[in-house]
Amino acid sequence: MSTTVTVQKEVDARGLNCPLPILRTKKALNDMASGQVLRVVATDPASQRDFEAFSRQTGNALIEQSVNEGTFTYLLRRK
């Protein structure tokens, strides 16, 4: 995990399938200030494609993504 990024909020979307991880992420980001960072933890393999598309479509930066034993972690910076 990156030590230079401060995470303000976390969404645990483990066990949820598309589109729930994105919907929860969208809701969380709406409550955050510009520049704040959200960590999302998901287990849906399709979430990789979903988060890349979500980032492009919304302008919220996908600053980090990783996978560890079937768990996907995303860091998004609120635009």
PDB file of N, CA and C in Angstrom:
ATOM      1  N   MET A   1       0.846  -1.191   0.000  1.00  0.00           N
ATOM      2  CA  MET A   1       0.000   0.000   0.000  1.00  0.00           C
ATOM      3  C   MET A   1       0.886   1.247   0.000  1.00  0.00           C
ATOM      4  N   SER A   2       0.425   2.240  -0.689  1.00  0.00           N
ATOM      5  CA  SER A   2       1.171   3.486  -0.783  1.00  0.00           C
ATOM      6  C   SER A   2       1.095   4.246   0.547  1.00  0.00           C
ATOM      7  N   THR A   3       2.207   4.785   0.973  1.00  0.00           N
ATOM      8  CA  THR A   3       2.215   5.519   2.239  1.00  0.00           C
ATOM      9  C   THR A   3       2.061   7.027   2.024  1.00  0.00           C
ATOM     10  N   THR A   4       2.129   7.479   0.772  1.00  0.00           N
ATOM     11  CA  THR A   4       2.069   8.910   0.500  1.00  0.00           C
ATOM     12  C   THR A   4       0.635   9.412   0.353  1.00  0.00           C
ATOM     13  N   VAL A   5      -0.319   8.510   0.215  1.00  0.00           N
ATOM     14  CA  VAL A   5      -1.710   8.905   0.003  1.00  0.00           C
ATOM     15  C   VAL A   5      -2.488   8.766   1.303  1.00  0.00           C
ATOM     16  N   THR A   6      -3.179   9.830   1.683  1.00  0.00           N
ATOM     17  CA  THR A   6      -4.037   9.785   2.861  1.00  0.00           C
ATOM     18  C   THR A   6      -5.455   9.505   2.412  1.00  0.00           C
ATOM     19  N   VAL A   7      -6.043   8.446   2.955  1.00  0.00           N
ATOM     20  CA  VAL A   7      -7.398   8.051   2.586  1.00  0.00           C
ATOM     21  C   VAL A   7      -8.382   8.650   3.585  1.00  0.00           C
ATOM     22  N   GLN A   8      -9.376   9.377   3.068  1.00  0.00           N
ATOM     23  CA  GLN A   8     -10.365  10.011   3.940  1.00  0.00           C
ATOM     24  C   GLN A   8     -11.561   9.108   4.232  1.00  0.00           C
ATOM     25  N   LYS A   9     -11.845   8.183   3.321  1.00  0.00           N
ATOM     26  CA  LYS A   9     -13.051   7.367   3.462  1.00  0.00           C
ATOM     27  C   LYS A   9     -12.817   6.015   2.804  1.00  0.00           C
ATOM     28  N   GLU A  10     -13.528   4.983   3.262  1.00  0.00           N
ATOM     29  CA  GLU A  10     -13.382   3.657   2.672  1.00  0.00           C
ATOM     30  C   GLU A  10     -14.753   3.048   2.422  1.00  0.00           C
ATOM     31  N   VAL A  11     -14.872   2.356   1.275  1.00  0.00           N
ATOM     32  CA  VAL A  11     -16.083   1.618   0.937  1.00  0.00           C
ATOM     33  C   VAL A  11     -15.707   0.148   0.857  1.00  0.00           C
ATOM     34  N   ASP A  12     -16.390  -0.680   1.640  1.00  0.00           N
ATOM     35  CA  ASP A  12     -16.170  -2.118   1.596  1.00  0.00           C
ATOM     36  C   ASP A  12     -17.256  -2.733   0.726  1.00  0.00           C
ATOM     37  N   ALA A  13     -16.885  -3.080  -0.511  1.00  0.00           N
ATOM     38  CA  ALA A  13     -17.844  -3.646  -1.462  1.00  0.00           C
ATOM     39  C   ALA A  13     -17.567  -5.127  -1.697  1.00  0.00           C
ATOM     40  N   ARG A  14     -16.879  -5.766  -0.747  1.00  0.00           N
ATOM     41  CA  ARG A  14     -16.586  -7.196  -0.885  1.00  0.00           C
ATOM     42  C   ARG A  14     -17.890  -7.995  -0.898  1.00  0.00           C
ATOM     43  N   GLY A  15     -17.967  -8.952  -1.812  1.00  0.00           N
ATOM     44  CA  GLY A  15     -19.152  -9.791  -1.915  1.00  0.00           C
ATOM     45  C   GLY A  15     -20.251  -9.187  -2.768  1.00  0.00           C
ATOM     46  N   LEU A  16     -20.069  -7.953  -3.211  1.00  0.00           N
ATOM     47  CA  LEU A  16     -21.075  -7.294  -4.046  1.00  0.00           C
ATOM     48  C   LEU A  16     -20.676  -7.385  -5.518  1.00  0.00           C
ATOM     49  N   ASN A  17     -21.675  -7.577  -6.375  1.00  0.00           N
ATOM     50  CA  ASN A  17     -21.410  -7.640  -7.806  1.00  0.00           C
ATOM     51  C   ASN A  17     -21.880  -6.370  -8.487  1.00  0.00           C
ATOM     52  N   CYS A  18     -21.353  -6.138  -9.676  1.00  0.00           N
ATOM     53  CA  CYS A  18     -21.718  -5.007 -10.506  1.00  0.00           C
ATOM     54  C   CYS A  18     -23.241  -4.883 -10.564  1.00  0.00           C
ATOM     55  N   PRO A  19     -23.799  -3.706 -10.415  1.00  0.00           N
ATOM     56  CA  PRO A  19     -23.142  -2.390 -10.338  1.00  0.00           C
ATOM     57  C   PRO A  19     -22.989  -1.859  -8.917  1.00  0.00           C
ATOM     58  N   LEU A  20     -23.223  -2.691  -7.902  1.00  0.00           N
ATOM     59  CA  LEU A  20     -23.221  -2.193  -6.522  1.00  0.00           C
ATOM     60  C   LEU A  20     -21.919  -1.525  -6.081  1.00  0.00           C
ATOM     61  N   PRO A  21     -20.730  -2.089  -6.388  1.00  0.00           N
ATOM     62  CA  PRO A  21     -19.500  -1.381  -5.961  1.00  0.00           C
ATOM     63  C   PRO A  21     -19.409   0.038  -6.526  1.00  0.00           C
ATOM     64  N   ILE A  22     -19.806   0.212  -7.788  1.00  0.00           N
ATOM     65  CA  ILE A  22     -19.764   1.542  -8.411  1.00  0.00           C
ATOM     66  C   ILE A  22     -20.802   2.458  -7.770  1.00  0.00           C
ATOM     67  N   LEU A  23     -22.004   1.948  -7.523  1.00  0.00           N
ATOM     68  CA  LEU A  23     -23.053   2.775  -6.911  1.00  0.00           C
ATOM     69  C   LEU A  23     -22.638   3.253  -5.524  1.00  0.00           C
ATOM     70  N   ARG A  24     -22.055   2.363  -4.741  1.00  0.00           N
ATOM     71  CA  ARG A  24     -21.600   2.756  -3.395  1.00  0.00           C
ATOM     72  C   ARG A  24     -20.451   3.757  -3.475  1.00  0.00           C
ATOM     73  N   THR A  25     -19.581   3.570  -4.463  1.00  0.00           N
ATOM     74  CA  THR A  25     -18.460   4.487  -4.664  1.00  0.00           C
ATOM     75  C   THR A  25     -18.971   5.877  -5.030  1.00  0.00           C
ATOM     76  N   LYS A  26     -19.931   5.918  -5.955  1.00  0.00           N
ATOM     77  CA  LYS A  26     -20.508   7.179  -6.398  1.00  0.00           C
ATOM     78  C   LYS A  26     -21.136   7.925  -5.225  1.00  0.00           C
ATOM     79  N   LYS A  27     -21.877   7.211  -4.392  1.00  0.00           N
ATOM     80  CA  LYS A  27     -22.529   7.797  -3.227  1.00  0.00           C
ATOM     81  C   LYS A  27     -21.485   8.352  -2.250  1.00  0.00           C
ATOM     82  N   ALA A  28     -20.435   7.575  -2.001  1.00  0.00           N
ATOM     83  CA  ALA A  28     -19.384   8.015  -1.075  1.00  0.00           C
ATOM     84  C   ALA A  28     -18.673   9.259  -1.609  1.00  0.00           C
ATOM     85  N   LEU A  29     -18.350   9.264  -2.895  1.00  0.00           N
ATOM     86  CA  LEU A  29     -17.648  10.409  -3.486  1.00  0.00           C
ATOM     87  C   LEU A  29     -18.499  11.673  -3.423  1.00  0.00           C
ATOM     88  N   ASN A  30     -19.811  11.530  -3.551  1.00  0.00           N
ATOM     89  CA  ASN A  30     -20.692  12.703  -3.490  1.00  0.00           C
ATOM     90  C   ASN A  30     -20.613  13.413  -2.144  1.00  0.00           C
ATOM     91  N   ASP A  31     -20.264  12.685  -1.092  1.00  0.00           N
ATOM     92  CA  ASP A  31     -20.168  13.251   0.252  1.00  0.00           C
ATOM     93  C   ASP A  31     -18.768  13.764   0.586  1.00  0.00           C
ATOM     94  N   MET A  32     -17.868  13.706  -0.391  1.00  0.00           N
ATOM     95  CA  MET A  32     -16.482  14.079  -0.127  1.00  0.00           C
ATOM     96  C   MET A  32     -16.125  15.399  -0.807  1.00  0.00           C
ATOM     97  N   ALA A  33     -15.079  16.033  -0.277  1.00  0.00           N
ATOM     98  CA  ALA A  33     -14.599  17.288  -0.859  1.00  0.00           C
ATOM     99  C   ALA A  33     -13.642  16.991  -2.010  1.00  0.00           C
ATOM    100  N   SER A  34     -13.506  17.946  -2.902  1.00  0.00           N
ATOM    101  CA  SER A  34     -12.586  17.822  -4.021  1.00  0.00           C
ATOM    102  C   SER A  34     -11.167  17.550  -3.510  1.00  0.00           C
ATOM    103  N   GLY A  35     -10.494  16.571  -4.135  1.00  0.00           N
ATOM    104  CA  GLY A  35      -9.122  16.244  -3.758  1.00  0.00           C
ATOM    105  C   GLY A  35      -9.006  15.165  -2.700  1.00  0.00           C
ATOM    106  N   GLN A  36     -10.117  14.835  -2.036  1.00  0.00           N
ATOM    107  CA  GLN A  36     -10.056  13.778  -1.026  1.00  0.00           C
ATOM    108  C   GLN A  36      -9.963  12.413  -1.710  1.00  0.00           C
ATOM    109  N   VAL A  37      -9.450  11.438  -0.963  1.00  0.00           N
ATOM    110  CA  VAL A  37      -9.202  10.112  -1.524  1.00  0.00           C
ATOM    111  C   VAL A  37     -10.115   9.077  -0.874  1.00  0.00           C
ATOM    112  N   LEU A  38     -10.700   8.241  -1.735  1.00  0.00           N
ATOM    113  CA  LEU A  38     -11.584   7.156  -1.316  1.00  0.00           C
ATOM    114  C   LEU A  38     -10.919   5.826  -1.636  1.00  0.00           C
ATOM    115  N   ARG A  39     -10.910   4.914  -0.662  1.00  0.00           N
ATOM    116  CA  ARG A  39     -10.420   3.555  -0.911  1.00  0.00           C
ATOM    117  C   ARG A  39     -11.649   2.658  -1.059  1.00  0.00           C
ATOM    118  N   VAL A  40     -11.643   1.848  -2.116  1.00  0.00           N
ATOM    119  CA  VAL A  40     -12.720   0.888  -2.330  1.00  0.00           C
ATOM    120  C   VAL A  40     -12.113  -0.509  -2.364  1.00  0.00           C
ATOM    121  N   VAL A  41     -12.698  -1.422  -1.593  1.00  0.00           N
ATOM    122  CA  VAL A  41     -12.258  -2.816  -1.573  1.00  0.00           C
ATOM    123  C   VAL A  41     -13.397  -3.644  -2.149  1.00  0.00           C
ATOM    124  N   ALA A  42     -13.091  -4.434  -3.192  1.00  0.00           N
ATOM    125  CA  ALA A  42     -14.115  -5.228  -3.870  1.00  0.00           C
ATOM    126  C   ALA A  42     -13.584  -6.621  -4.188  1.00  0.00           C
ATOM    127  N   THR A  43     -14.504  -7.551  -4.429  1.00  0.00           N
ATOM    128  CA  THR A  43     -14.106  -8.908  -4.804  1.00  0.00           C
ATOM    129  C   THR A  43     -14.592  -9.288  -6.200  1.00  0.00           C
ATOM    130  N   ASP A  44     -15.370  -8.431  -6.835  1.00  0.00           N
ATOM    131  CA  ASP A  44     -15.898  -8.703  -8.173  1.00  0.00           C
ATOM    132  C   ASP A  44     -14.804  -8.450  -9.212  1.00  0.00           C
ATOM    133  N   PRO A  45     -14.370  -9.500  -9.956  1.00  0.00           N
ATOM    134  CA  PRO A  45     -13.318  -9.312 -10.963  1.00  0.00           C
ATOM    135  C   PRO A  45     -13.695  -8.281 -12.024  1.00  0.00           C
ATOM    136  N   ALA A  46     -14.974  -8.141 -12.329  1.00  0.00           N
ATOM    137  CA  ALA A  46     -15.426  -7.158 -13.320  1.00  0.00           C
ATOM    138  C   ALA A  46     -15.226  -5.734 -12.825  1.00  0.00           C
ATOM    139  N   SER A  47     -14.989  -5.575 -11.517  1.00  0.00           N
ATOM    140  CA  SER A  47     -14.824  -4.220 -10.972  1.00  0.00           C
ATOM    141  C   SER A  47     -13.617  -3.511 -11.573  1.00  0.00           C
ATOM    142  N   GLN A  48     -12.609  -4.253 -12.024  1.00  0.00           N
ATOM    143  CA  GLN A  48     -11.436  -3.605 -12.619  1.00  0.00           C
ATOM    144  C   GLN A  48     -11.846  -2.775 -13.829  1.00  0.00           C
ATOM    145  N   ARG A  49     -12.585  -3.384 -14.718  1.00  0.00           N
ATOM    146  CA  ARG A  49     -13.059  -2.692 -15.917  1.00  0.00           C
ATOM    147  C   ARG A  49     -14.030  -1.573 -15.520  1.00  0.00           C
ATOM    148  N   ASP A  50     -14.907  -1.876 -14.570  1.00  0.00           N
ATOM    149  CA  ASP A  50     -15.914  -0.899 -14.138  1.00  0.00           C
ATOM    150  C   ASP A  50     -15.278   0.363 -13.569  1.00  0.00           C
ATOM    151  N   PHE A  51     -14.260   0.197 -12.725  1.00  0.00           N
ATOM    152  CA  PHE A  51     -13.649   1.368 -12.096  1.00  0.00           C
ATOM    153  C   PHE A  51     -12.843   2.194 -13.091  1.00  0.00           C
ATOM    154  N   GLU A  52     -12.214   1.537 -14.066  1.00  0.00           N
ATOM    155  CA  GLU A  52     -11.492   2.286 -15.091  1.00  0.00           C
ATOM    156  C   GLU A  52     -12.474   3.129 -15.903  1.00  0.00           C
ATOM    157  N   ALA A  53     -13.615   2.542 -16.278  1.00  0.00           N
ATOM    158  CA  ALA A  53     -14.634   3.269 -17.043  1.00  0.00           C
ATOM    159  C   ALA A  53     -15.249   4.380 -16.194  1.00  0.00           C
ATOM    160  N   PHE A  54     -15.537   4.073 -14.936  1.00  0.00           N
ATOM    161  CA  PHE A  54     -16.122   5.063 -14.016  1.00  0.00           C
ATOM    162  C   PHE A  54     -15.206   6.276 -13.882  1.00  0.00           C
ATOM    163  N   SER A  55     -13.919   6.024 -13.738  1.00  0.00           N
ATOM    164  CA  SER A  55     -12.938   7.105 -13.597  1.00  0.00           C
ATOM    165  C   SER A  55     -12.929   7.989 -14.844  1.00  0.00           C
ATOM    166  N   ARG A  56     -12.906   7.364 -16.019  1.00  0.00           N
ATOM    167  CA  ARG A  56     -12.910   8.126 -17.277  1.00  0.00           C
ATOM    168  C   ARG A  56     -14.198   8.943 -17.420  1.00  0.00           C
ATOM    169  N   GLN A  57     -15.332   8.333 -17.111  1.00  0.00           N
ATOM    170  CA  GLN A  57     -16.626   8.984 -17.329  1.00  0.00           C
ATOM    171  C   GLN A  57     -16.891  10.119 -16.342  1.00  0.00           C
ATOM    172  N   THR A  58     -16.399   9.985 -15.104  1.00  0.00           N
ATOM    173  CA  THR A  58     -16.730  10.968 -14.072  1.00  0.00           C
ATOM    174  C   THR A  58     -15.637  11.998 -13.829  1.00  0.00           C
ATOM    175  N   GLY A  59     -14.407  11.707 -14.266  1.00  0.00           N
ATOM    176  CA  GLY A  59     -13.307  12.629 -14.031  1.00  0.00           C
ATOM    177  C   GLY A  59     -12.659  12.466 -12.663  1.00  0.00           C
ATOM    178  N   ASN A  60     -13.156  11.516 -11.860  1.00  0.00           N
ATOM    179  CA  ASN A  60     -12.500  11.203 -10.584  1.00  0.00           C
ATOM    180  C   ASN A  60     -11.295  10.321 -10.901  1.00  0.00           C
ATOM    181  N   ALA A  61     -10.119  10.702 -10.415  1.00  0.00           N
ATOM    182  CA  ALA A  61      -8.885  10.014 -10.795  1.00  0.00           C
ATOM    183  C   ALA A  61      -8.741   8.676 -10.082  1.00  0.00           C
ATOM    184  N   LEU A  62      -8.489   7.627 -10.860  1.00  0.00           N
ATOM    185  CA  LEU A  62      -8.156   6.317 -10.301  1.00  0.00           C
ATOM    186  C   LEU A  62      -6.646   6.335 -10.099  1.00  0.00           C
ATOM    187  N   ILE A  63      -6.213   6.634  -8.863  1.00  0.00           N
ATOM    188  CA  ILE A  63      -4.790   6.880  -8.640  1.00  0.00           C
ATOM    189  C   ILE A  63      -4.008   5.617  -8.309  1.00  0.00           C
ATOM    190  N   GLU A  64      -4.716   4.567  -7.903  1.00  0.00           N
ATOM    191  CA  GLU A  64      -4.022   3.318  -7.594  1.00  0.00           C
ATOM    192  C   GLU A  64      -5.014   2.180  -7.644  1.00  0.00           C
ATOM    193  N   GLN A  65      -4.567   1.032  -8.185  1.00  0.00           N
ATOM    194  CA  GLN A  65      -5.392  -0.163  -8.106  1.00  0.00           C
ATOM    195  C   GLN A  65      -4.476  -1.352  -7.922  1.00  0.00           C
ATOM    196  N   SER A  66      -4.927  -2.292  -7.112  1.00  0.00           N
ATOM    197  CA  SER A  66      -4.115  -3.475  -6.860  1.00  0.00           C
ATOM    198  C   SER A  66      -5.036  -4.657  -6.611  1.00  0.00           C
ATOM    199  N   VAL A  67      -4.465  -5.851  -6.748  1.00  0.00           N
ATOM    200  CA  VAL A  67      -5.222  -7.065  -6.464  1.00  0.00           C
ATOM    201  C   VAL A  67      -4.373  -7.951  -5.568  1.00  0.00           C
ATOM    202  N   ASN A  68      -4.998  -8.542  -4.562  1.00  0.00           N
ATOM    203  CA  ASN A  68      -4.299  -9.424  -3.640  1.00  0.00           C
ATOM    204  C   ASN A  68      -5.241 -10.562  -3.260  1.00  0.00           C
ATOM    205  N   GLU A  69      -4.927 -11.749  -3.750  1.00  0.00           N
ATOM    206  CA  GLU A  69      -5.714 -12.944  -3.432  1.00  0.00           C
ATOM    207  C   GLU A  69      -7.208 -12.748  -3.673  1.00  0.00           C
ATOM    208  N   GLY A  70      -7.546 -12.216  -4.844  1.00  0.00           N
ATOM    209  CA  GLY A  70      -8.951 -12.077  -5.217  1.00  0.00           C
ATOM    210  C   GLY A  70      -9.654 -10.854  -4.664  1.00  0.00           C
ATOM    211  N   THR A  71      -8.917 -10.013  -3.924  1.00  0.00           N
ATOM    212  CA  THR A  71      -9.493  -8.771  -3.414  1.00  0.00           C
ATOM    213  C   THR A  71      -8.872  -7.607  -4.170  1.00  0.00           C
ATOM    214  N   PHE A  72      -9.732  -6.777  -4.739  1.00  0.00           N
ATOM    215  CA  PHE A  72      -9.292  -5.635  -5.531  1.00  0.00           C
ATOM    216  C   PHE A  72      -9.407  -4.374  -4.688  1.00  0.00           C
ATOM    217  N   THR A  73      -8.358  -3.563  -4.715  1.00  0.00           N
ATOM    218  CA  THR A  73      -8.353  -2.308  -3.964  1.00  0.00           C
ATOM    219  C   THR A  73      -8.141  -1.163  -4.940  1.00  0.00           C
ATOM    220  N   TYR A  74      -8.973  -0.146  -4.824  1.00  0.00           N
ATOM    221  CA  TYR A  74      -8.906   1.024  -5.696  1.00  0.00           C
ATOM    222  C   TYR A  74      -8.796   2.274  -4.842  1.00  0.00           C
ATOM    223  N   LEU A  75      -7.972   3.208  -5.279  1.00  0.00           N
ATOM    224  CA  LEU A  75      -7.920   4.518  -4.654  1.00  0.00           C
ATOM    225  C   LEU A  75      -8.371   5.534  -5.694  1.00  0.00           C
ATOM    226  N   LEU A  76      -9.407   6.283  -5.353  1.00  0.00           N
ATOM    227  CA  LEU A  76      -9.935   7.303  -6.249  1.00  0.00           C
ATOM    228  C   LEU A  76      -9.815   8.662  -5.595  1.00  0.00           C
ATOM    229  N   ARG A  77      -9.373   9.653  -6.383  1.00  0.00           N
ATOM    230  CA  ARG A  77      -9.301  11.029  -5.881  1.00  0.00           C
ATOM    231  C   ARG A  77     -10.488  11.800  -6.439  1.00  0.00           C
ATOM    232  N   ARG A  78     -11.239  12.398  -5.546  1.00  0.00           N
ATOM    233  CA  ARG A  78     -12.439  13.166  -5.928  1.00  0.00           C
ATOM    234  C   ARG A  78     -12.025  14.351  -6.766  1.00  0.00           C
ATOM    235  N   LYS A  79     -12.714  14.532  -7.886  1.00  0.00           N
ATOM    236  CA  LYS A  79     -12.361  15.655  -8.790  1.00  0.00           C
ATOM    237  C   LYS A  79     -12.769  16.989  -8.193  1.00  0.00           C
TER     238      LYS A  79
END
